[in-house]
């Protein structure tokens, strides 16, 4: 028995530890690509908590108050918070997930649409999209207790 224990400890010392594999989250990779495309950086610590209307251009942050002109932007992404991009030109976009059919209709922009935007991929809502907040014509207040997402209506593209 003692021989077995010694051999096992000798073997463990000589067996290399497996390299840790970094978990790659495809949803986060898609968000990173969208941030690069939009030219936005995480809001600075000094500006954290600033309302979207007063936040500097070229930043993104997270909020529980999507759709409001003065939605506070925070650095940390929390449960069911929405990502908002304030583009270098000053336009604001909300980032979320919708079903493929809704994403196609949004891209076409020919009609007014009413749908639910989710902060994370859930169920059929697997397509990442960014919607200009100036297209939003109506919305129902968002609640993290109601996991169905943010209900909104958007105008067609002009």
N, C-alpha and C. Protein backbone atom coordinates (compact mmCIF):
# COMPACT_ATOMS: atom_id res chain seq x y z
N UNK A 1 0.82 -1.19 0.00
CA UNK A 1 0.00 0.00 0.00
C UNK A 1 0.86 1.25 0.00
N UNK A 2 1.88 1.28 0.82
CA UNK A 2 2.77 2.43 0.90
C UNK A 2 3.47 2.66 -0.44
N UNK A 3 3.83 1.55 -1.10
CA UNK A 3 4.46 1.65 -2.41
C UNK A 3 3.51 2.33 -3.42
N UNK A 4 2.26 1.95 -3.37
CA UNK A 4 1.25 2.54 -4.26
C UNK A 4 1.12 4.03 -4.02
N UNK A 5 1.08 4.46 -2.80
CA UNK A 5 0.95 5.87 -2.46
C UNK A 5 2.17 6.64 -2.95
N UNK A 6 3.37 6.08 -2.74
CA UNK A 6 4.58 6.75 -3.21
C UNK A 6 4.59 6.86 -4.73
N UNK A 7 4.21 5.79 -5.42
CA UNK A 7 4.19 5.81 -6.87
C UNK A 7 3.19 6.85 -7.37
N UNK A 8 2.03 6.89 -6.75
CA UNK A 8 0.99 7.83 -7.17
C UNK A 8 1.47 9.28 -6.99
N UNK A 9 2.10 9.59 -5.87
CA UNK A 9 2.58 10.95 -5.66
C UNK A 9 3.72 11.27 -6.64
N UNK A 10 4.59 10.29 -6.92
CA UNK A 10 5.66 10.50 -7.90
C UNK A 10 5.05 10.77 -9.28
N UNK A 11 4.04 10.01 -9.65
CA UNK A 11 3.38 10.16 -10.95
C UNK A 11 2.71 11.53 -11.07
N UNK A 12 2.03 11.97 -10.02
CA UNK A 12 1.36 13.26 -10.04
C UNK A 12 2.35 14.41 -10.23
N UNK A 13 3.52 14.31 -9.59
CA UNK A 13 4.52 15.38 -9.72
C UNK A 13 5.05 15.47 -11.14
N UNK A 14 5.09 14.35 -11.85
CA UNK A 14 5.67 14.34 -13.18
C UNK A 14 4.64 14.49 -14.31
N UNK A 15 3.38 14.44 -13.98
CA UNK A 15 2.34 14.60 -14.98
C UNK A 15 2.04 16.10 -15.12
N UNK A 16 2.18 16.64 -16.33
CA UNK A 16 1.93 18.08 -16.49
C UNK A 16 0.45 18.40 -16.29
N UNK A 17 0.22 19.57 -15.70
CA UNK A 17 -1.16 20.03 -15.52
C UNK A 17 -1.71 20.43 -16.88
N UNK A 18 -2.95 20.12 -17.13
CA UNK A 18 -3.53 20.54 -18.41
C UNK A 18 -3.64 22.07 -18.45
N UNK A 19 -3.42 22.62 -19.63
CA UNK A 19 -3.53 24.07 -19.81
C UNK A 19 -4.99 24.48 -19.62
N UNK A 20 -5.23 25.54 -18.86
CA UNK A 20 -6.62 25.99 -18.72
C UNK A 20 -7.13 26.50 -20.07
N UNK A 21 -8.33 26.10 -20.40
CA UNK A 21 -8.94 26.51 -21.66
C UNK A 21 -9.85 27.68 -21.36
N UNK A 22 -9.59 28.79 -22.03
CA UNK A 22 -10.43 29.97 -21.84
C UNK A 22 -11.79 29.70 -22.47
N UNK A 23 -12.83 29.91 -21.69
CA UNK A 23 -14.18 29.70 -22.20
C UNK A 23 -14.52 30.84 -23.16
N UNK A 24 -14.87 30.48 -24.37
CA UNK A 24 -15.21 31.48 -25.37
C UNK A 24 -16.72 31.55 -25.45
N UNK A 25 -17.25 32.71 -25.12
CA UNK A 25 -18.68 32.93 -25.16
C UNK A 25 -19.02 33.57 -26.51
N UNK A 26 -19.71 32.84 -27.39
CA UNK A 26 -20.02 33.40 -28.71
C UNK A 26 -20.85 34.68 -28.63
N UNK A 27 -21.73 34.78 -27.64
CA UNK A 27 -22.53 36.00 -27.49
C UNK A 27 -21.64 37.19 -27.17
N UNK A 28 -20.65 37.00 -26.31
CA UNK A 28 -19.75 38.11 -25.96
C UNK A 28 -18.85 38.46 -27.14
N UNK A 29 -18.43 37.48 -27.92
CA UNK A 29 -17.63 37.77 -29.11
C UNK A 29 -18.43 38.63 -30.10
N UNK A 30 -19.71 38.32 -30.26
CA UNK A 30 -20.56 39.09 -31.17
C UNK A 30 -20.72 40.52 -30.65
N UNK A 31 -20.87 40.67 -29.34
CA UNK A 31 -20.99 42.02 -28.75
C UNK A 31 -19.70 42.81 -28.97
N UNK A 32 -18.55 42.16 -28.79
CA UNK A 32 -17.27 42.83 -28.99
C UNK A 32 -17.13 43.31 -30.44
N UNK A 33 -17.51 42.46 -31.37
CA UNK A 33 -17.44 42.83 -32.79
C UNK A 33 -18.35 44.02 -33.08
N UNK A 34 -19.54 44.03 -32.49
CA UNK A 34 -20.48 45.14 -32.68
C UNK A 34 -19.92 46.43 -32.08
N UNK A 35 -19.29 46.33 -30.91
CA UNK A 35 -18.67 47.52 -30.28
C UNK A 35 -17.57 48.08 -31.18
N UNK A 36 -16.75 47.21 -31.76
CA UNK A 36 -15.69 47.67 -32.66
C UNK A 36 -16.28 48.34 -33.89
N UNK A 37 -17.32 47.73 -34.45
CA UNK A 37 -17.97 48.29 -35.64
C UNK A 37 -18.55 49.67 -35.35
N UNK A 38 -19.10 49.84 -34.15
CA UNK A 38 -19.70 51.13 -33.77
C UNK A 38 -18.68 52.14 -33.27
N UNK A 39 -17.47 51.69 -32.99
CA UNK A 39 -16.42 52.59 -32.52
C UNK A 39 -16.66 53.12 -31.12
N UNK A 40 -17.13 52.24 -30.21
CA UNK A 40 -17.41 52.66 -28.84
C UNK A 40 -16.50 51.94 -27.85
N UNK A 41 -16.22 52.62 -26.76
CA UNK A 41 -15.41 52.09 -25.65
C UNK A 41 -16.27 52.10 -24.40
N UNK A 42 -15.92 51.27 -23.44
CA UNK A 42 -16.64 51.22 -22.17
C UNK A 42 -16.58 52.59 -21.50
N UNK A 43 -17.70 53.03 -20.97
CA UNK A 43 -17.78 54.34 -20.32
C UNK A 43 -16.74 54.40 -19.19
N UNK A 44 -16.11 55.53 -19.02
CA UNK A 44 -15.05 55.66 -18.02
C UNK A 44 -15.63 55.65 -16.61
N UNK A 45 -14.76 55.38 -15.64
CA UNK A 45 -15.21 55.39 -14.24
C UNK A 45 -15.71 56.77 -13.85
N UNK A 46 -15.07 57.80 -14.36
CA UNK A 46 -15.47 59.17 -14.01
C UNK A 46 -16.86 59.49 -14.53
N UNK A 47 -17.24 58.91 -15.69
CA UNK A 47 -18.55 59.19 -16.28
C UNK A 47 -19.61 58.15 -15.92
N UNK A 48 -19.23 57.12 -15.18
CA UNK A 48 -20.19 56.06 -14.82
C UNK A 48 -21.35 56.65 -14.04
N UNK A 49 -22.57 56.24 -14.39
CA UNK A 49 -23.78 56.73 -13.74
C UNK A 49 -24.35 57.96 -14.41
N UNK A 50 -23.62 58.52 -15.36
CA UNK A 50 -24.09 59.68 -16.10
C UNK A 50 -25.24 59.26 -17.01
N UNK A 51 -26.21 60.14 -17.16
CA UNK A 51 -27.33 59.86 -18.05
C UNK A 51 -26.88 59.83 -19.50
N UNK A 52 -27.56 59.05 -20.30
CA UNK A 52 -27.24 58.89 -21.71
C UNK A 52 -27.20 60.24 -22.42
N UNK A 53 -28.09 61.15 -22.05
CA UNK A 53 -28.12 62.46 -22.70
C UNK A 53 -26.87 63.29 -22.42
N UNK A 54 -26.20 63.05 -21.29
CA UNK A 54 -25.01 63.82 -20.93
C UNK A 54 -23.71 63.01 -21.07
N UNK A 55 -23.80 61.75 -21.38
CA UNK A 55 -22.61 60.90 -21.54
C UNK A 55 -21.82 61.34 -22.77
N UNK A 56 -20.50 61.20 -22.73
CA UNK A 56 -19.71 61.56 -23.91
C UNK A 56 -20.01 60.63 -25.08
N UNK A 57 -19.77 61.11 -26.28
CA UNK A 57 -19.98 60.29 -27.48
C UNK A 57 -18.88 59.24 -27.56
N UNK A 58 -19.19 58.13 -28.21
CA UNK A 58 -18.21 57.06 -28.42
C UNK A 58 -18.07 56.12 -27.25
N UNK A 59 -19.12 55.98 -26.43
CA UNK A 59 -19.06 55.09 -25.27
C UNK A 59 -20.22 54.10 -25.30
N UNK A 60 -20.06 53.05 -24.50
CA UNK A 60 -21.17 52.13 -24.26
C UNK A 60 -21.22 51.84 -22.77
N UNK A 61 -22.40 51.44 -22.32
CA UNK A 61 -22.57 51.08 -20.92
C UNK A 61 -23.84 50.25 -20.79
N UNK A 62 -24.18 49.94 -19.57
CA UNK A 62 -25.32 49.05 -19.30
C UNK A 62 -26.33 49.78 -18.43
N UNK A 63 -27.62 49.51 -18.67
CA UNK A 63 -28.67 50.19 -17.93
C UNK A 63 -29.89 49.29 -17.77
N UNK A 64 -30.69 49.63 -16.77
CA UNK A 64 -31.99 48.98 -16.58
C UNK A 64 -33.11 49.87 -17.09
N UNK A 65 -32.77 51.05 -17.62
CA UNK A 65 -33.78 52.00 -18.07
C UNK A 65 -33.66 52.26 -19.58
N UNK A 66 -33.79 51.22 -20.39
CA UNK A 66 -33.66 51.45 -21.83
C UNK A 66 -34.81 52.32 -22.33
N UNK A 67 -34.52 53.14 -23.30
CA UNK A 67 -35.57 53.96 -23.89
C UNK A 67 -35.67 55.35 -23.31
N UNK A 68 -35.09 55.58 -22.15
CA UNK A 68 -35.15 56.90 -21.53
C UNK A 68 -33.95 57.73 -21.98
N UNK A 69 -34.19 59.00 -22.28
CA UNK A 69 -33.12 59.88 -22.77
C UNK A 69 -32.01 60.05 -21.74
N UNK A 70 -32.36 59.96 -20.46
CA UNK A 70 -31.36 60.15 -19.40
C UNK A 70 -31.05 58.84 -18.67
N UNK A 71 -31.13 57.71 -19.38
CA UNK A 71 -30.84 56.41 -18.77
C UNK A 71 -29.40 56.40 -18.26
N UNK A 72 -29.17 56.07 -16.99
CA UNK A 72 -27.80 56.05 -16.48
C UNK A 72 -27.02 54.87 -17.07
N UNK A 73 -25.76 55.12 -17.42
CA UNK A 73 -24.91 54.08 -18.00
C UNK A 73 -23.88 53.64 -16.96
N UNK A 74 -23.76 52.32 -16.81
CA UNK A 74 -22.83 51.75 -15.85
C UNK A 74 -21.83 50.86 -16.56
N UNK A 75 -20.68 50.67 -15.93
CA UNK A 75 -19.60 49.89 -16.51
C UNK A 75 -19.85 48.39 -16.42
N UNK A 76 -20.49 47.95 -15.36
CA UNK A 76 -20.66 46.52 -15.12
C UNK A 76 -21.99 46.02 -15.70
N UNK A 77 -21.90 44.94 -16.43
CA UNK A 77 -23.10 44.29 -16.95
C UNK A 77 -23.68 43.42 -15.86
N UNK A 78 -24.93 43.64 -15.53
CA UNK A 78 -25.60 42.87 -14.49
C UNK A 78 -26.78 42.12 -15.09
N UNK A 79 -27.41 41.32 -14.28
CA UNK A 79 -28.51 40.46 -14.71
C UNK A 79 -29.60 41.25 -15.43
N UNK A 80 -29.87 40.90 -16.65
CA UNK A 80 -30.92 41.48 -17.49
C UNK A 80 -30.79 42.98 -17.70
N UNK A 81 -29.55 43.48 -17.68
CA UNK A 81 -29.36 44.89 -18.03
C UNK A 81 -29.14 44.99 -19.53
N UNK A 82 -29.50 46.12 -20.09
CA UNK A 82 -29.37 46.34 -21.53
C UNK A 82 -28.12 47.14 -21.84
N UNK A 83 -27.49 46.81 -22.95
CA UNK A 83 -26.31 47.54 -23.41
C UNK A 83 -26.76 48.67 -24.33
N UNK A 84 -26.20 49.86 -24.08
CA UNK A 84 -26.52 51.03 -24.89
C UNK A 84 -25.21 51.56 -25.48
N UNK A 85 -25.23 51.88 -26.77
CA UNK A 85 -24.08 52.47 -27.44
C UNK A 85 -24.41 53.92 -27.76
N UNK A 86 -23.53 54.83 -27.40
CA UNK A 86 -23.65 56.22 -27.84
C UNK A 86 -22.53 56.42 -28.85
N UNK A 87 -22.91 56.45 -30.11
CA UNK A 87 -21.96 56.49 -31.21
C UNK A 87 -21.14 57.78 -31.22
N UNK A 88 -20.00 57.76 -31.89
CA UNK A 88 -19.19 58.98 -31.97
C UNK A 88 -19.96 60.19 -32.50
N UNK A 89 -20.95 59.96 -33.34
CA UNK A 89 -21.77 61.05 -33.86
C UNK A 89 -22.85 61.51 -32.90
N UNK A 90 -23.05 60.79 -31.79
CA UNK A 90 -24.04 61.18 -30.78
C UNK A 90 -25.33 60.37 -30.80
N UNK A 91 -25.57 59.58 -31.85
CA UNK A 91 -26.78 58.75 -31.90
C UNK A 91 -26.68 57.63 -30.86
N UNK A 92 -27.82 57.25 -30.29
CA UNK A 92 -27.85 56.20 -29.28
C UNK A 92 -28.53 54.96 -29.85
N UNK A 93 -27.94 53.79 -29.55
CA UNK A 93 -28.47 52.51 -29.99
C UNK A 93 -28.65 51.61 -28.80
N UNK A 94 -29.69 50.80 -28.81
CA UNK A 94 -29.87 49.78 -27.78
C UNK A 94 -29.54 48.44 -28.42
N UNK A 95 -28.80 47.63 -27.69
CA UNK A 95 -28.34 46.34 -28.18
C UNK A 95 -29.11 45.24 -27.47
N UNK A 96 -29.58 44.27 -28.23
CA UNK A 96 -30.31 43.16 -27.64
C UNK A 96 -30.52 42.05 -28.65
N UNK A 97 -31.31 41.08 -28.25
CA UNK A 97 -31.53 39.89 -29.06
C UNK A 97 -32.99 39.79 -29.47
N UNK A 98 -33.20 39.41 -30.73
CA UNK A 98 -34.53 39.22 -31.30
C UNK A 98 -34.53 37.94 -32.13
N UNK A 99 -35.72 37.42 -32.46
CA UNK A 99 -35.78 36.28 -33.38
C UNK A 99 -35.28 36.69 -34.77
N UNK A 100 -34.87 35.72 -35.57
CA UNK A 100 -34.35 35.97 -36.91
C UNK A 100 -35.32 36.77 -37.78
N UNK A 101 -36.61 36.43 -37.73
CA UNK A 101 -37.60 37.11 -38.56
C UNK A 101 -37.69 38.60 -38.20
N UNK A 102 -37.64 38.92 -36.92
CA UNK A 102 -37.70 40.32 -36.48
C UNK A 102 -36.44 41.05 -36.91
N UNK A 103 -35.28 40.40 -36.80
CA UNK A 103 -34.02 41.02 -37.23
C UNK A 103 -34.06 41.35 -38.72
N UNK A 104 -34.60 40.46 -39.52
CA UNK A 104 -34.70 40.70 -40.96
C UNK A 104 -35.65 41.87 -41.25
N UNK A 105 -36.77 41.92 -40.55
CA UNK A 105 -37.74 43.01 -40.74
C UNK A 105 -37.15 44.35 -40.28
N UNK A 106 -36.37 44.33 -39.19
CA UNK A 106 -35.72 45.56 -38.71
C UNK A 106 -34.72 46.07 -39.74
N UNK A 107 -33.94 45.16 -40.30
CA UNK A 107 -32.94 45.55 -41.29
C UNK A 107 -33.60 46.11 -42.55
N UNK A 108 -34.71 45.52 -42.96
CA UNK A 108 -35.43 46.01 -44.13
C UNK A 108 -36.00 47.39 -43.85
N UNK A 109 -36.55 47.58 -42.66
CA UNK A 109 -37.04 48.88 -42.22
C UNK A 109 -38.22 49.44 -43.00
N UNK A 110 -39.01 48.59 -43.60
CA UNK A 110 -40.14 49.06 -44.42
C UNK A 110 -41.42 49.28 -43.65
N UNK A 111 -41.50 48.71 -42.45
CA UNK A 111 -42.76 48.79 -41.71
C UNK A 111 -42.51 49.06 -40.24
N UNK A 112 -43.55 49.50 -39.58
CA UNK A 112 -43.51 49.67 -38.13
C UNK A 112 -43.62 48.29 -37.50
N UNK A 113 -42.81 48.05 -36.47
CA UNK A 113 -42.80 46.73 -35.83
C UNK A 113 -43.00 46.87 -34.33
N UNK A 114 -43.70 45.91 -33.75
CA UNK A 114 -43.80 45.81 -32.30
C UNK A 114 -43.30 44.44 -31.90
N UNK A 115 -42.35 44.40 -30.96
CA UNK A 115 -41.71 43.14 -30.58
C UNK A 115 -41.08 43.30 -29.22
N UNK A 116 -40.48 42.20 -28.74
CA UNK A 116 -39.76 42.20 -27.46
C UNK A 116 -38.28 42.05 -27.74
N UNK A 117 -37.51 42.92 -27.12
CA UNK A 117 -36.06 42.89 -27.22
C UNK A 117 -35.54 42.29 -25.92
N UNK A 118 -34.69 41.30 -26.02
CA UNK A 118 -34.14 40.65 -24.83
C UNK A 118 -32.69 41.07 -24.64
N UNK A 119 -32.26 41.22 -23.39
CA UNK A 119 -30.88 41.62 -23.15
C UNK A 119 -29.86 40.50 -23.39
N UNK A 120 -30.32 39.27 -23.34
CA UNK A 120 -29.46 38.10 -23.52
C UNK A 120 -30.15 37.14 -24.49
N UNK A 121 -29.38 36.27 -25.15
CA UNK A 121 -30.02 35.29 -26.03
C UNK A 121 -30.88 34.31 -25.23
N UNK A 122 -32.16 34.24 -25.58
CA UNK A 122 -33.10 33.34 -24.89
C UNK A 122 -34.12 32.84 -25.89
N UNK A 123 -34.47 31.57 -25.80
CA UNK A 123 -35.51 31.01 -26.66
C UNK A 123 -35.23 31.26 -28.12
N UNK A 124 -36.21 31.83 -28.83
CA UNK A 124 -36.05 32.12 -30.26
C UNK A 124 -35.21 33.38 -30.50
N UNK A 125 -35.07 34.21 -29.50
CA UNK A 125 -34.32 35.46 -29.64
C UNK A 125 -32.82 35.17 -29.54
N UNK A 126 -32.22 34.87 -30.68
CA UNK A 126 -30.80 34.50 -30.74
C UNK A 126 -29.98 35.42 -31.62
N UNK A 127 -30.62 36.39 -32.27
CA UNK A 127 -29.92 37.27 -33.21
C UNK A 127 -29.64 38.62 -32.54
N UNK A 128 -28.36 38.96 -32.48
CA UNK A 128 -27.95 40.24 -31.89
C UNK A 128 -28.28 41.37 -32.85
N UNK A 129 -28.86 42.42 -32.31
CA UNK A 129 -29.23 43.57 -33.13
C UNK A 129 -29.01 44.85 -32.35
N UNK A 130 -28.87 45.94 -33.07
CA UNK A 130 -28.76 47.27 -32.46
C UNK A 130 -29.82 48.15 -33.10
N UNK A 131 -30.62 48.79 -32.26
CA UNK A 131 -31.74 49.60 -32.74
C UNK A 131 -31.52 51.04 -32.30
N UNK A 132 -31.62 51.96 -33.25
CA UNK A 132 -31.49 53.38 -32.93
C UNK A 132 -32.66 53.78 -32.02
N UNK A 133 -32.34 54.42 -30.92
CA UNK A 133 -33.39 54.82 -29.98
C UNK A 133 -34.34 55.85 -30.57
N UNK A 134 -33.90 56.60 -31.57
CA UNK A 134 -34.81 57.57 -32.18
C UNK A 134 -35.86 56.90 -33.07
N UNK A 135 -35.70 55.59 -33.34
CA UNK A 135 -36.74 54.84 -34.07
C UNK A 135 -37.83 54.34 -33.14
N UNK A 136 -37.58 54.31 -31.83
CA UNK A 136 -38.55 53.79 -30.87
C UNK A 136 -39.68 54.80 -30.70
N UNK A 137 -40.90 54.37 -31.02
CA UNK A 137 -42.06 55.26 -30.91
C UNK A 137 -42.90 54.97 -29.68
N UNK A 138 -42.74 53.79 -29.11
CA UNK A 138 -43.51 53.40 -27.92
C UNK A 138 -42.77 52.29 -27.22
N UNK A 139 -42.85 52.26 -25.91
CA UNK A 139 -42.28 51.13 -25.17
C UNK A 139 -43.00 50.97 -23.85
N UNK A 140 -42.95 49.76 -23.35
CA UNK A 140 -43.50 49.45 -22.03
C UNK A 140 -42.33 49.36 -21.07
N UNK A 141 -42.49 49.93 -19.91
CA UNK A 141 -41.43 49.93 -18.91
C UNK A 141 -40.86 48.53 -18.73
N UNK A 142 -39.56 48.46 -18.57
CA UNK A 142 -38.85 47.19 -18.41
C UNK A 142 -38.77 46.83 -16.92
N UNK A 143 -38.95 45.56 -16.61
CA UNK A 143 -38.80 45.08 -15.24
C UNK A 143 -38.00 43.80 -15.28
N UNK A 144 -36.96 43.71 -14.42
CA UNK A 144 -36.16 42.48 -14.41
C UNK A 144 -36.94 41.31 -13.83
N UNK A 145 -38.04 41.60 -13.14
CA UNK A 145 -38.86 40.50 -12.62
C UNK A 145 -39.68 39.86 -13.72
N UNK A 146 -39.86 40.58 -14.82
CA UNK A 146 -40.60 40.06 -15.97
C UNK A 146 -39.60 39.69 -17.05
N UNK A 147 -39.24 38.43 -17.14
CA UNK A 147 -38.15 38.03 -18.02
C UNK A 147 -38.49 38.00 -19.51
N UNK A 148 -39.63 38.52 -19.90
CA UNK A 148 -40.04 38.45 -21.30
C UNK A 148 -39.32 39.46 -22.18
N UNK A 149 -38.55 40.37 -21.61
CA UNK A 149 -37.84 41.36 -22.40
C UNK A 149 -38.54 42.70 -22.42
N UNK A 150 -37.97 43.63 -23.15
CA UNK A 150 -38.47 45.00 -23.25
C UNK A 150 -39.37 45.09 -24.46
N UNK A 151 -40.62 45.41 -24.26
CA UNK A 151 -41.57 45.51 -25.35
C UNK A 151 -41.50 46.90 -25.95
N UNK A 152 -41.34 46.98 -27.26
CA UNK A 152 -41.24 48.28 -27.91
C UNK A 152 -41.82 48.25 -29.32
N UNK A 153 -42.05 49.42 -29.84
CA UNK A 153 -42.51 49.59 -31.22
C UNK A 153 -41.52 50.52 -31.90
N UNK A 154 -41.10 50.17 -33.10
CA UNK A 154 -40.15 51.01 -33.84
C UNK A 154 -40.79 51.47 -35.15
N UNK A 155 -40.39 52.67 -35.57
CA UNK A 155 -40.87 53.25 -36.81
C UNK A 155 -40.05 52.68 -37.97
N UNK A 156 -40.60 52.72 -39.17
CA UNK A 156 -39.83 52.29 -40.32
C UNK A 156 -38.67 53.26 -40.59
N UNK A 157 -37.67 52.78 -41.31
CA UNK A 157 -36.56 53.64 -41.70
C UNK A 157 -37.05 54.65 -42.72
N UNK A 158 -36.50 55.81 -42.70
CA UNK A 158 -36.92 56.84 -43.65
C UNK A 158 -36.08 56.81 -44.89
